[in-house]
Amino acid sequence: MRTPLPLIAVLAGGTLLAGCGLGDAPPTGVSAGSLAEAGDLSDVTLTVGGKEFTEQLILCELAAQSLESAGAEAGRECGMSGSNTVRAALEGGSIDLYWEYTGTGWINYLGETEAPSDPQELYETLAERDAENGVSWLAPSPANNTYAVAVNRENAEEFGVQTLSDYAALANEDPEAASFCGAAEFFGREDGWPGLQEAYGFELPGSATSELALGVIYNSVDNADPCNFGEVFATDGRNAALDLVVLEDDQQFFTAYNPSVSVRSEVLEQTPQIADVLAPVSEALDDDTLQALNARVDVDGDTPEQVVTDWLRENGFIGD
């Protein structure tokens, strides 16, 4: 189960969950903006869910405030522990919708191991097949919170590495320079380290790899101690905050993890305006945007609620 856990969620999880907790209502009302013009959700009551890590706390609140701006009453079940827990809540009717990742849907819920390399094909195939389970997937965001490999800028320039093919060449030539930190799950998954080595044609010796808790890998890579390269997630706010260079997956090995609103089909059939209201928000979420939103929580210490409100207002999606 792929569940990134940013450091802030470890250090201040109680604070975050208190701010975006299970069943909590927003501290203030949400005024109508451009999203209200996309669809009228007056007299509609919905429950929005989400997982426990920073990006999911943001996405949960983002969906809730967006729906409220169009007139809905949106309950919150943000901060639920683990992908399978949230999915079970969706299928069981405890929640009506939440943001899920296409790669998670494909691997975790459909049980597939090899995904289409084209993100759009992955989404369309997933949506078609999961409809049989009573789950609809709305159009995905361009953001892709997939696995990635990062290096600090100084080492990227010293080693001349910009792509994963460059990294593979370095690993074959100088394994110690290509030293790598990863979390236990990444080292054990075929869509992680074993598959990456096979796809790019290298094999790093155990002496050049270090298994670390996911939350500390970012600073380890930044400090080049105990590794020069490491596993990260593409939209994590710490990539930009630490000026890490995320290597291009030039052979498109990693499965796409585009955020998409996953909603019970019966709910969407009864209230199709949900898709219209959330579509502009989804379209606006690219990698840079999600990185910036995540960084405001993980780096600056702002609450998910305030970060979401500010961003929605800045884009005119909700009113002042």
C-alpha atoms as a PDB file:
ATOM      1  CA  MET A   1       0.000   0.000   0.000  1.00  0.00           C
ATOM      2  CA  ARG A   2       1.569   3.239  -1.127  1.00  0.00           C
ATOM      3  CA  THR A   3       1.002   5.907   1.521  1.00  0.00           C
ATOM      4  CA  PRO A   4       3.564   8.746   1.636  1.00  0.00           C
ATOM      5  CA  LEU A   5       3.976  10.136   5.132  1.00  0.00           C
ATOM      6  CA  PRO A   6       5.513  13.624   5.186  1.00  0.00           C
ATOM      7  CA  LEU A   7       7.555  14.587   8.226  1.00  0.00           C
ATOM      8  CA  ILE A   8       5.026  17.158   9.409  1.00  0.00           C
ATOM      9  CA  ALA A   9       2.417  14.426   9.745  1.00  0.00           C
ATOM     10  CA  VAL A  10       4.752  12.564  12.084  1.00  0.00           C
ATOM     11  CA  LEU A  11       5.807  15.575  14.133  1.00  0.00           C
ATOM     12  CA  ALA A  12       2.507  17.419  14.251  1.00  0.00           C
ATOM     13  CA  GLY A  13      -0.097  14.886  13.224  1.00  0.00           C
ATOM     14  CA  GLY A  14      -2.279  15.657  16.209  1.00  0.00           C
ATOM     15  CA  THR A  15      -2.416  19.314  15.267  1.00  0.00           C
ATOM     16  CA  LEU A  16      -3.226  18.601  11.658  1.00  0.00           C
ATOM     17  CA  LEU A  17      -5.920  16.117  12.447  1.00  0.00           C
ATOM     18  CA  ALA A  18      -7.438  18.486  14.936  1.00  0.00           C
ATOM     19  CA  GLY A  19      -7.659  21.094  12.208  1.00  0.00           C
ATOM     20  CA  CYS A  20      -8.982  18.760   9.545  1.00  0.00           C
ATOM     21  CA  GLY A  21     -10.363  16.025  11.712  1.00  0.00           C
ATOM     22  CA  LEU A  22     -12.911  13.333  11.380  1.00  0.00           C
ATOM     23  CA  GLY A  23     -16.321  14.886  10.927  1.00  0.00           C
ATOM     24  CA  ASP A  24     -15.161  18.443  11.595  1.00  0.00           C
ATOM     25  CA  ALA A  25     -16.981  21.375  10.009  1.00  0.00           C
ATOM     26  CA  PRO A  26     -15.024  24.299   8.536  1.00  0.00           C
ATOM     27  CA  PRO A  27     -14.301  27.165  10.945  1.00  0.00           C
ATOM     28  CA  THR A  28     -16.067  29.665   8.704  1.00  0.00           C
ATOM     29  CA  GLY A  29     -18.583  29.604   5.871  1.00  0.00           C
ATOM     30  CA  VAL A  30     -17.412  29.333   2.274  1.00  0.00           C
ATOM     31  CA  SER A  31     -18.620  32.039  -0.100  1.00  0.00           C
ATOM     32  CA  ALA A  32     -19.689  31.380  -3.669  1.00  0.00           C
ATOM     33  CA  GLY A  33     -17.222  31.971  -6.492  1.00  0.00           C
ATOM     34  CA  SER A  34     -16.786  30.607  -9.993  1.00  0.00           C
ATOM     35  CA  LEU A  35     -17.387  27.010  -8.883  1.00  0.00           C
ATOM     36  CA  ALA A  36     -20.934  27.908  -7.876  1.00  0.00           C
ATOM     37  CA  GLU A  37     -21.572  28.864 -11.495  1.00  0.00           C
ATOM     38  CA  ALA A  38     -20.616  25.340 -12.602  1.00  0.00           C
ATOM     39  CA  GLY A  39     -23.344  23.623 -10.633  1.00  0.00           C
ATOM     40  CA  ASP A  40     -25.955  24.142  -7.933  1.00  0.00           C
ATOM     41  CA  LEU A  41     -25.577  21.808  -4.965  1.00  0.00           C
ATOM     42  CA  SER A  42     -28.120  23.459  -2.701  1.00  0.00           C
ATOM     43  CA  ASP A  43     -29.847  20.981  -0.361  1.00  0.00           C
ATOM     44  CA  VAL A  44     -27.204  18.345  -1.148  1.00  0.00           C
ATOM     45  CA  THR A  45     -25.393  16.686   1.774  1.00  0.00           C
ATOM     46  CA  LEU A  46     -22.111  14.909   1.098  1.00  0.00           C
ATOM     47  CA  THR A  47     -19.324  13.391   3.190  1.00  0.00           C
ATOM     48  CA  VAL A  48     -15.779  13.854   1.933  1.00  0.00           C
ATOM     49  CA  GLY A  49     -13.005  11.492   3.014  1.00  0.00           C
ATOM     50  CA  GLY A  50      -9.261  11.469   2.814  1.00  0.00           C
ATOM     51  CA  LYS A  51      -6.070   9.817   4.063  1.00  0.00           C
ATOM     52  CA  GLU A  52      -3.761  10.974   6.826  1.00  0.00           C
ATOM     53  CA  PHE A  53      -0.769  12.528   5.046  1.00  0.00           C
ATOM     54  CA  THR A  54      -0.357  16.184   4.151  1.00  0.00           C
ATOM     55  CA  GLU A  55      -1.383  16.143   0.496  1.00  0.00           C
ATOM     56  CA  GLN A  56      -4.502  14.132   1.300  1.00  0.00           C
ATOM     57  CA  LEU A  57      -5.472  16.466   4.131  1.00  0.00           C
ATOM     58  CA  ILE A  58      -5.236  19.305   1.622  1.00  0.00           C
ATOM     59  CA  LEU A  59      -7.201  17.447  -1.058  1.00  0.00           C
ATOM     60  CA  CYS A  60      -9.923  16.451   1.403  1.00  0.00           C
ATOM     61  CA  GLU A  61     -10.408  20.041   2.500  1.00  0.00           C
ATOM     62  CA  LEU A  62     -10.183  21.206  -1.114  1.00  0.00           C
ATOM     63  CA  ALA A  63     -13.088  19.010  -2.171  1.00  0.00           C
ATOM     64  CA  ALA A  64     -15.156  19.969   0.876  1.00  0.00           C
ATOM     65  CA  GLN A  65     -14.747  23.745   0.492  1.00  0.00           C
ATOM     66  CA  SER A  66     -15.335  23.543  -3.256  1.00  0.00           C
ATOM     67  CA  LEU A  67     -18.595  21.665  -2.777  1.00  0.00           C
ATOM     68  CA  GLU A  68     -19.690  24.016   0.007  1.00  0.00           C
ATOM     69  CA  SER A  69     -19.141  27.027  -2.228  1.00  0.00           C
ATOM     70  CA  ALA A  70     -21.738  25.555  -4.599  1.00  0.00           C
ATOM     71  CA  GLY A  71     -24.258  25.172  -1.777  1.00  0.00           C
ATOM     72  CA  ALA A  72     -23.613  21.666  -0.490  1.00  0.00           C
ATOM     73  CA  GLU A  73     -23.362  20.686   3.138  1.00  0.00           C
ATOM     74  CA  ALA A  74     -20.045  18.841   3.278  1.00  0.00           C
ATOM     75  CA  GLY A  75     -19.071  16.667   6.209  1.00  0.00           C
ATOM     76  CA  ARG A  76     -15.437  15.747   6.605  1.00  0.00           C
ATOM     77  CA  GLU A  77     -13.720  12.453   7.328  1.00  0.00           C
ATOM     78  CA  CYS A  78     -10.206  13.717   6.649  1.00  0.00           C
ATOM     79  CA  GLY A  79      -7.182  12.007   8.146  1.00  0.00           C
ATOM     80  CA  MET A  80      -8.280   8.377   7.851  1.00  0.00           C
ATOM     81  CA  SER A  81      -5.463   5.866   8.207  1.00  0.00           C
ATOM     82  CA  GLY A  82      -4.468   4.131   5.000  1.00  0.00           C
ATOM     83  CA  SER A  83      -5.748   3.670   1.477  1.00  0.00           C
ATOM     84  CA  ASN A  84      -7.735   0.530   2.184  1.00  0.00           C
ATOM     85  CA  THR A  85      -9.556   2.172   5.091  1.00  0.00           C
ATOM     86  CA  VAL A  86     -10.748   5.072   2.962  1.00  0.00           C
ATOM     87  CA  ARG A  87     -11.713   2.819   0.072  1.00  0.00           C
ATOM     88  CA  ALA A  88     -13.730   0.602   2.419  1.00  0.00           C
ATOM     89  CA  ALA A  89     -15.494   3.688   3.769  1.00  0.00           C
ATOM     90  CA  LEU A  90     -16.381   4.709   0.210  1.00  0.00           C
ATOM     91  CA  GLU A  91     -17.696   1.306  -0.774  1.00  0.00           C
ATOM     92  CA  GLY A  92     -19.574   0.979   2.514  1.00  0.00           C
ATOM     93  CA  GLY A  93     -21.244   4.373   2.185  1.00  0.00           C
ATOM     94  CA  SER A  94     -19.590   6.058   5.181  1.00  0.00           C
ATOM     95  CA  ILE A  95     -18.162   8.629   2.775  1.00  0.00           C
ATOM     96  CA  ASP A  96     -19.384   9.711  -0.643  1.00  0.00           C
ATOM     97  CA  LEU A  97     -16.154  10.744  -2.319  1.00  0.00           C
ATOM     98  CA  TYR A  98     -12.438  11.323  -1.863  1.00  0.00           C
ATOM     99  CA  TRP A  99      -9.324  12.045  -3.897  1.00  0.00           C
ATOM    100  CA  GLU A 100      -7.493   8.863  -4.827  1.00  0.00           C
ATOM    101  CA  TYR A 101      -4.495   8.242  -7.081  1.00  0.00           C
ATOM    102  CA  THR A 102      -4.874   6.368 -10.346  1.00  0.00           C
ATOM    103  CA  GLY A 103      -1.858   4.181  -9.599  1.00  0.00           C
ATOM    104  CA  THR A 104      -3.286   3.246  -6.207  1.00  0.00           C
ATOM    105  CA  GLY A 105      -6.595   2.330  -7.808  1.00  0.00           C
ATOM    106  CA  TRP A 106      -4.885   0.188 -10.393  1.00  0.00           C
ATOM    107  CA  ILE A 107      -2.526  -1.629  -8.035  1.00  0.00           C
ATOM    108  CA  ASN A 108      -4.337  -1.668  -4.688  1.00  0.00           C
ATOM    109  CA  TYR A 109      -7.970  -2.045  -5.719  1.00  0.00           C
ATOM    110  CA  LEU A 110      -7.822  -3.796  -9.085  1.00  0.00           C
ATOM    111  CA  GLY A 111      -4.863  -5.935  -8.025  1.00  0.00           C
ATOM    112  CA  GLU A 112      -2.819  -5.263 -11.152  1.00  0.00           C
ATOM    113  CA  THR A 113       0.990  -5.254 -11.199  1.00  0.00           C
ATOM    114  CA  GLU A 114       1.752  -3.790 -14.623  1.00  0.00           C
ATOM    115  CA  ALA A 115       0.158  -0.480 -15.536  1.00  0.00           C
ATOM    116  CA  PRO A 116      -0.237   1.206 -18.929  1.00  0.00           C
ATOM    117  CA  SER A 117       2.635   3.648 -19.397  1.00  0.00           C
ATOM    118  CA  ASP A 118       0.295   6.337 -20.739  1.00  0.00           C
ATOM    119  CA  PRO A 119      -1.413   8.125 -17.787  1.00  0.00           C
ATOM    120  CA  GLN A 120      -4.595   8.790 -19.765  1.00  0.00           C
ATOM    121  CA  GLU A 121      -4.886   5.153 -20.818  1.00  0.00           C
ATOM    122  CA  LEU A 122      -4.342   4.124 -17.213  1.00  0.00           C
ATOM    123  CA  TYR A 123      -7.124   6.448 -16.049  1.00  0.00           C
ATOM    124  CA  GLU A 124      -9.604   5.375 -18.718  1.00  0.00           C
ATOM    125  CA  THR A 125      -8.983   1.657 -18.158  1.00  0.00           C
ATOM    126  CA  LEU A 126      -9.206   2.071 -14.393  1.00  0.00           C
ATOM    127  CA  ALA A 127     -12.415   4.088 -14.604  1.00  0.00           C
ATOM    128  CA  GLU A 128     -14.050   1.550 -16.908  1.00  0.00           C
ATOM    129  CA  ARG A 129     -13.155  -1.432 -14.755  1.00  0.00           C
ATOM    130  CA  ASP A 130     -13.851   0.143 -11.361  1.00  0.00           C
ATOM    131  CA  ALA A 131     -17.314   1.166 -12.529  1.00  0.00           C
ATOM    132  CA  GLU A 132     -18.160  -2.522 -12.129  1.00  0.00           C
ATOM    133  CA  ASN A 133     -17.473  -2.046  -8.405  1.00  0.00           C
ATOM    134  CA  GLY A 134     -19.844   0.917  -8.179  1.00  0.00           C
ATOM    135  CA  VAL A 135     -17.025   3.475  -8.094  1.00  0.00           C
ATOM    136  CA  SER A 136     -16.679   6.355 -10.556  1.00  0.00           C
ATOM    137  CA  TRP A 137     -13.464   8.266 -11.209  1.00  0.00           C
ATOM    138  CA  LEU A 138     -13.709  11.903 -12.242  1.00  0.00           C
ATOM    139  CA  ALA A 139     -11.248  13.439 -14.697  1.00  0.00           C
ATOM    140  CA  PRO A 140      -7.760  13.341 -13.125  1.00  0.00           C
ATOM    141  CA  SER A 141      -5.481  16.239 -12.319  1.00  0.00           C
ATOM    142  CA  PRO A 142      -2.321  16.773 -14.367  1.00  0.00           C
ATOM    143  CA  ALA A 143      -0.304  16.487 -11.126  1.00  0.00           C
ATOM    144  CA  ASN A 144       1.460  13.168 -10.730  1.00  0.00           C
ATOM    145  CA  ASN A 145       2.447  12.191  -7.180  1.00  0.00           C
ATOM    146  CA  THR A 146       4.415   9.185  -8.317  1.00  0.00           C
ATOM    147  CA  TYR A 147       7.607   7.658  -7.014  1.00  0.00           C
ATOM    148  CA  ALA A 148      10.695   9.594  -8.055  1.00  0.00           C
ATOM    149  CA  VAL A 149      14.432   9.731  -7.438  1.00  0.00           C
ATOM    150  CA  ALA A 150      16.008  12.971  -6.228  1.00  0.00           C
ATOM    151  CA  VAL A 151      19.483  14.374  -5.589  1.00  0.00           C
ATOM    152  CA  ASN A 152      20.666  17.681  -4.163  1.00  0.00           C
ATOM    153  CA  ARG A 153      21.509  20.294  -6.754  1.00  0.00           C
ATOM    154  CA  GLU A 154      25.237  20.324  -6.024  1.00  0.00           C
ATOM    155  CA  ASN A 155      25.554  16.589  -6.640  1.00  0.00           C
ATOM    156  CA  ALA A 156      23.299  16.707  -9.688  1.00  0.00           C
ATOM    157  CA  GLU A 157      25.723  19.166 -11.250  1.00  0.00           C
ATOM    158  CA  GLU A 158      28.842  17.324 -10.053  1.00  0.00           C
ATOM    159  CA  PHE A 159      27.677  13.962 -11.406  1.00  0.00           C
ATOM    160  CA  GLY A 160      25.952  15.389 -14.500  1.00  0.00           C
ATOM    161  CA  VAL A 161      22.717  13.565 -13.672  1.00  0.00           C
ATOM    162  CA  GLN A 162      19.318  14.815 -14.848  1.00  0.00           C
ATOM    163  CA  THR A 163      17.489  11.640 -15.876  1.00  0.00           C
ATOM    164  CA  LEU A 164      17.142   8.124 -14.515  1.00  0.00           C
ATOM    165  CA  SER A 165      19.149   6.889 -17.485  1.00  0.00           C
ATOM    166  CA  ASP A 166      21.946   9.194 -16.321  1.00  0.00           C
ATOM    167  CA  TYR A 167      21.618   7.737 -12.843  1.00  0.00           C
ATOM    168  CA  ALA A 168      21.782   4.167 -14.165  1.00  0.00           C
ATOM    169  CA  ALA A 169      25.002   4.991 -16.035  1.00  0.00           C
ATOM    170  CA  LEU A 170      26.481   6.464 -12.843  1.00  0.00           C
ATOM    171  CA  ALA A 171      25.413   3.402 -10.828  1.00  0.00           C
ATOM    172  CA  ASN A 172      27.188   1.096 -13.281  1.00  0.00           C
ATOM    173  CA  GLU A 173      30.311   3.252 -13.372  1.00  0.00           C
ATOM    174  CA  ASP A 174      30.590   4.371  -9.728  1.00  0.00           C
ATOM    175  CA  PRO A 175      28.169   2.586  -7.369  1.00  0.00           C
ATOM    176  CA  GLU A 176      29.282   4.487  -4.277  1.00  0.00           C
ATOM    177  CA  ALA A 177      28.600   7.835  -5.971  1.00  0.00           C
ATOM    178  CA  ALA A 178      25.122   6.505  -6.838  1.00  0.00           C
ATOM    179  CA  SER A 179      24.403   5.581  -3.193  1.00  0.00           C
ATOM    180  CA  PHE A 180      20.656   5.380  -2.612  1.00  0.00           C
ATOM    181  CA  CYS A 181      18.250   5.761   0.323  1.00  0.00           C
ATOM    182  CA  GLY A 182      14.780   4.263   0.204  1.00  0.00           C
ATOM    183  CA  ALA A 183      11.965   3.166   2.473  1.00  0.00           C
ATOM    184  CA  ALA A 184      11.280  -0.505   3.153  1.00  0.00           C
ATOM    185  CA  GLU A 185       8.177  -0.557   0.968  1.00  0.00           C
ATOM    186  CA  PHE A 186       9.991   0.939  -2.028  1.00  0.00           C
ATOM    187  CA  PHE A 187      12.775  -1.656  -1.784  1.00  0.00           C
ATOM    188  CA  GLY A 188      10.210  -4.458  -1.721  1.00  0.00           C
ATOM    189  CA  ARG A 189       7.839  -3.407  -4.510  1.00  0.00           C
ATOM    190  CA  GLU A 190       8.196  -4.478  -8.131  1.00  0.00           C
ATOM    191  CA  ASP A 191       7.042  -1.006  -9.150  1.00  0.00           C
ATOM    192  CA  GLY A 192       9.809   0.319  -6.866  1.00  0.00           C
ATOM    193  CA  TRP A 193      13.505  -0.492  -6.550  1.00  0.00           C
ATOM    194  CA  PRO A 194      13.669  -4.025  -8.071  1.00  0.00           C
ATOM    195  CA  GLY A 195      11.700  -2.990 -11.147  1.00  0.00           C
ATOM    196  CA  LEU A 196      13.601   0.291 -11.471  1.00  0.00           C
ATOM    197  CA  GLN A 197      16.951  -1.515 -11.581  1.00  0.00           C
ATOM    198  CA  GLU A 198      15.666  -3.990 -14.142  1.00  0.00           C
ATOM    199  CA  ALA A 199      14.057  -1.348 -16.345  1.00  0.00           C
ATOM    200  CA  TYR A 200      17.126   0.885 -16.425  1.00  0.00           C
ATOM    201  CA  GLY A 201      19.738  -1.867 -16.497  1.00  0.00           C
ATOM    202  CA  PHE A 202      21.748  -1.414 -13.309  1.00  0.00           C
ATOM    203  CA  GLU A 203      22.223  -3.222 -10.008  1.00  0.00           C
ATOM    204  CA  LEU A 204      23.486  -1.301  -7.009  1.00  0.00           C
ATOM    205  CA  PRO A 205      25.286  -3.388  -4.343  1.00  0.00           C
ATOM    206  CA  GLY A 206      23.793  -3.544  -0.868  1.00  0.00           C
ATOM    207  CA  SER A 207      26.722  -1.543   0.503  1.00  0.00           C
ATOM    208  CA  ALA A 208      25.527   1.451  -1.545  1.00  0.00           C
ATOM    209  CA  THR A 209      21.896   1.338  -0.358  1.00  0.00           C
ATOM    210  CA  SER A 210      20.376   2.439   2.952  1.00  0.00           C
ATOM    211  CA  GLU A 211      16.877   1.683   4.219  1.00  0.00           C
ATOM    212  CA  LEU A 212      15.458   4.702   6.056  1.00  0.00           C
ATOM    213  CA  ALA A 213      12.102   5.903   7.307  1.00  0.00           C
ATOM    214  CA  LEU A 214      10.430   7.777   4.472  1.00  0.00           C
ATOM    215  CA  GLY A 215      10.185  11.044   6.374  1.00  0.00           C
ATOM    216  CA  VAL A 216      13.946  11.425   6.819  1.00  0.00           C
ATOM    217  CA  ILE A 217      15.028  10.596   3.271  1.00  0.00           C
ATOM    218  CA  TYR A 218      14.544  14.178   2.038  1.00  0.00           C
ATOM    219  CA  ASN A 219      17.022  15.672   4.513  1.00  0.00           C
ATOM    220  CA  SER A 220      19.378  12.738   4.009  1.00  0.00           C
ATOM    221  CA  VAL A 221      19.529  13.478   0.279  1.00  0.00           C
ATOM    222  CA  ASP A 222      19.862  17.189   0.922  1.00  0.00           C
ATOM    223  CA  ASN A 223      22.847  16.529   3.209  1.00  0.00           C
ATOM    224  CA  ALA A 224      24.193  13.687   1.019  1.00  0.00           C
ATOM    225  CA  ASP A 225      24.383  11.553   4.172  1.00  0.00           C
ATOM    226  CA  PRO A 226      24.196   8.573   4.119  1.00  0.00           C
ATOM    227  CA  CYS A 227      23.261   8.677   0.433  1.00  0.00           C
ATOM    228  CA  ASN A 228      23.504  10.953  -2.584  1.00  0.00           C
ATOM    229  CA  PHE A 229      20.202   9.859  -4.122  1.00  0.00           C
ATOM    230  CA  GLY A 230      16.891   8.843  -2.629  1.00  0.00           C
ATOM    231  CA  GLU A 231      13.255   7.901  -3.053  1.00  0.00           C
ATOM    232  CA  VAL A 232      10.845  10.855  -2.966  1.00  0.00           C
ATOM    233  CA  PHE A 233       7.325  11.614  -4.092  1.00  0.00           C
ATOM    234  CA  ALA A 234       7.033  13.942  -7.038  1.00  0.00           C
ATOM    235  CA  THR A 235       4.633  16.504  -5.544  1.00  0.00           C
ATOM    236  CA  ASP A 236       6.123  16.627  -2.036  1.00  0.00           C
ATOM    237  CA  GLY A 237       6.683  20.232  -0.943  1.00  0.00           C
ATOM    238  CA  ARG A 238      10.121  19.430   0.443  1.00  0.00           C
ATOM    239  CA  ASN A 239      11.520  18.858  -3.054  1.00  0.00           C
ATOM    240  CA  ALA A 240      11.243  22.551  -3.826  1.00  0.00           C
ATOM    241  CA  ALA A 241      11.929  23.735  -0.278  1.00  0.00           C
ATOM    242  CA  LEU A 242      15.257  21.857  -0.191  1.00  0.00           C
ATOM    243  CA  ASP A 243      16.009  22.605  -3.866  1.00  0.00           C
ATOM    244  CA  LEU A 244      16.249  18.919  -4.700  1.00  0.00           C
ATOM    245  CA  VAL A 245      16.551  17.894  -8.343  1.00  0.00           C
ATOM    246  CA  VAL A 246      13.933  15.270  -9.234  1.00  0.00           C
ATOM    247  CA  LEU A 247      15.344  13.074 -11.987  1.00  0.00           C
ATOM    248  CA  GLU A 248      13.304  12.680 -15.152  1.00  0.00           C
ATOM    249  CA  ASP A 249      11.832   9.209 -15.593  1.00  0.00           C
ATOM    250  CA  ASP A 250      12.845   9.212 -19.257  1.00  0.00           C
ATOM    251  CA  GLN A 251      11.787   5.609 -19.848  1.00  0.00           C
ATOM    252  CA  GLN A 252       8.453   6.145 -18.042  1.00  0.00           C
ATOM    253  CA  PHE A 253       8.966   3.287 -15.612  1.00  0.00           C
ATOM    254  CA  PHE A 254       7.040   4.590 -12.622  1.00  0.00           C
ATOM    255  CA  THR A 255       3.283   4.137 -12.602  1.00  0.00           C
ATOM    256  CA  ALA A 256       1.300   7.390 -12.851  1.00  0.00           C
ATOM    257  CA  TYR A 257      -0.355   8.564  -9.626  1.00  0.00           C
ATOM    258  CA  ASN A 258      -2.667  11.310 -10.854  1.00  0.00           C
ATOM    259  CA  PRO A 259      -5.149  12.534  -8.211  1.00  0.00           C
ATOM    260  CA  SER A 260      -8.739  11.906  -9.227  1.00  0.00           C
ATOM    261  CA  VAL A 261     -11.955  12.257  -7.276  1.00  0.00           C
ATOM    262  CA  SER A 262     -13.268   8.773  -6.570  1.00  0.00           C
ATOM    263  CA  VAL A 263     -17.021   8.852  -5.920  1.00  0.00           C
ATOM    264  CA  ARG A 264     -19.703   6.247  -5.377  1.00  0.00           C
ATOM    265  CA  SER A 265     -21.487   5.837  -8.695  1.00  0.00           C
ATOM    266  CA  GLU A 266     -24.959   6.025  -7.158  1.00  0.00           C
ATOM    267  CA  VAL A 267     -24.089   9.395  -5.608  1.00  0.00           C
ATOM    268  CA  LEU A 268     -22.777  10.731  -8.905  1.00  0.00           C
ATOM    269  CA  GLU A 269     -25.859   9.498 -10.748  1.00  0.00           C
ATOM    270  CA  GLN A 270     -28.108  11.334  -8.294  1.00  0.00           C
ATOM    271  CA  THR A 271     -25.980  14.497  -8.283  1.00  0.00           C
ATOM    272  CA  PRO A 272     -23.974  14.772 -11.524  1.00  0.00           C
ATOM    273  CA  GLN A 273     -23.222  18.432 -10.719  1.00  0.00           C
ATOM    274  CA  ILE A 274     -20.467  17.180  -8.412  1.00  0.00           C
ATOM    275  CA  ALA A 275     -18.286  16.507 -11.447  1.00  0.00           C
ATOM    276  CA  ASP A 276     -18.962  19.960 -12.910  1.00  0.00           C
ATOM    277  CA  VAL A 277     -18.095  21.756  -9.673  1.00  0.00           C
ATOM    278  CA  LEU A 278     -14.873  19.866  -9.027  1.00  0.00           C
ATOM    279  CA  ALA A 279     -13.587  19.768 -12.627  1.00  0.00           C
ATOM    280  CA  PRO A 280     -11.995  23.271 -12.666  1.00  0.00           C
ATOM    281  CA  VAL A 281     -10.203  22.550  -9.397  1.00  0.00           C
ATOM    282  CA  SER A 282      -8.865  19.251 -10.683  1.00  0.00           C
ATOM    283  CA  GLU A 283      -7.633  20.859 -13.893  1.00  0.00           C
ATOM    284  CA  ALA A 284      -5.721  23.503 -11.928  1.00  0.00           C
ATOM    285  CA  LEU A 285      -3.743  21.030  -9.823  1.00  0.00           C
ATOM    286  CA  ASP A 286      -0.419  20.504 -11.562  1.00  0.00           C
ATOM    287  CA  ASP A 287       2.850  19.352  -9.982  1.00  0.00           C
ATOM    288  CA  ASP A 288       4.078  22.839  -9.102  1.00  0.00           C
ATOM    289  CA  THR A 289       0.749  23.803  -7.532  1.00  0.00           C
ATOM    290  CA  LEU A 290       0.536  20.730  -5.321  1.00  0.00           C
ATOM    291  CA  GLN A 291       4.178  21.111  -4.319  1.00  0.00           C
ATOM    292  CA  ALA A 292       3.511  24.702  -3.269  1.00  0.00           C
ATOM    293  CA  LEU A 293       0.380  23.779  -1.299  1.00  0.00           C
ATOM    294  CA  ASN A 294       2.160  20.904   0.426  1.00  0.00           C
ATOM    295  CA  ALA A 295       5.106  23.150   1.273  1.00  0.00           C
ATOM    296  CA  ARG A 296       2.873  25.692   2.989  1.00  0.00           C
ATOM    297  CA  VAL A 297       1.844  22.947   5.409  1.00  0.00           C
ATOM    298  CA  ASP A 298       5.048  20.896   5.681  1.00  0.00           C
ATOM    299  CA  VAL A 299       7.542  23.755   5.578  1.00  0.00           C
ATOM    300  CA  ASP A 300       5.666  26.893   6.659  1.00  0.00           C
ATOM    301  CA  GLY A 301       3.417  25.220   9.228  1.00  0.00           C
ATOM    302  CA  ASP A 302       0.097  26.566   7.917  1.00  0.00           C
ATOM    303  CA  THR A 303      -3.085  24.539   8.374  1.00  0.00           C
ATOM    304  CA  PRO A 304      -4.602  22.640   5.432  1.00  0.00           C
ATOM    305  CA  GLU A 305      -7.844  24.618   5.857  1.00  0.00           C
ATOM    306  CA  GLN A 306      -6.159  27.992   5.516  1.00  0.00           C
ATOM    307  CA  VAL A 307      -3.945  26.865   2.653  1.00  0.00           C
ATOM    308  CA  VAL A 308      -6.988  25.611   0.739  1.00  0.00           C
ATOM    309  CA  THR A 309      -9.080  28.717   1.432  1.00  0.00           C
ATOM    310  CA  ASP A 310      -6.276  31.016   0.282  1.00  0.00           C
ATOM    311  CA  TRP A 311      -5.671  29.076  -2.927  1.00  0.00           C
ATOM    312  CA  LEU A 312      -9.353  28.785  -3.837  1.00  0.00           C
ATOM    313  CA  ARG A 313      -9.811  32.525  -3.286  1.00  0.00           C
ATOM    314  CA  GLU A 314      -6.694  33.430  -5.265  1.00  0.00           C
ATOM    315  CA  ASN A 315      -8.086  31.513  -8.244  1.00  0.00           C
ATOM    316  CA  GLY A 316     -11.598  32.943  -7.861  1.00  0.00           C
ATOM    317  CA  PHE A 317     -13.034  29.495  -7.208  1.00  0.00           C
ATOM    318  CA  ILE A 318     -14.670  30.741  -3.996  1.00  0.00           C
ATOM    319  CA  GLY A 319     -15.548  34.230  -2.865  1.00  0.00           C
ATOM    320  CA  ASP A 320     -13.719  36.445  -0.384  1.00  0.00           C
END
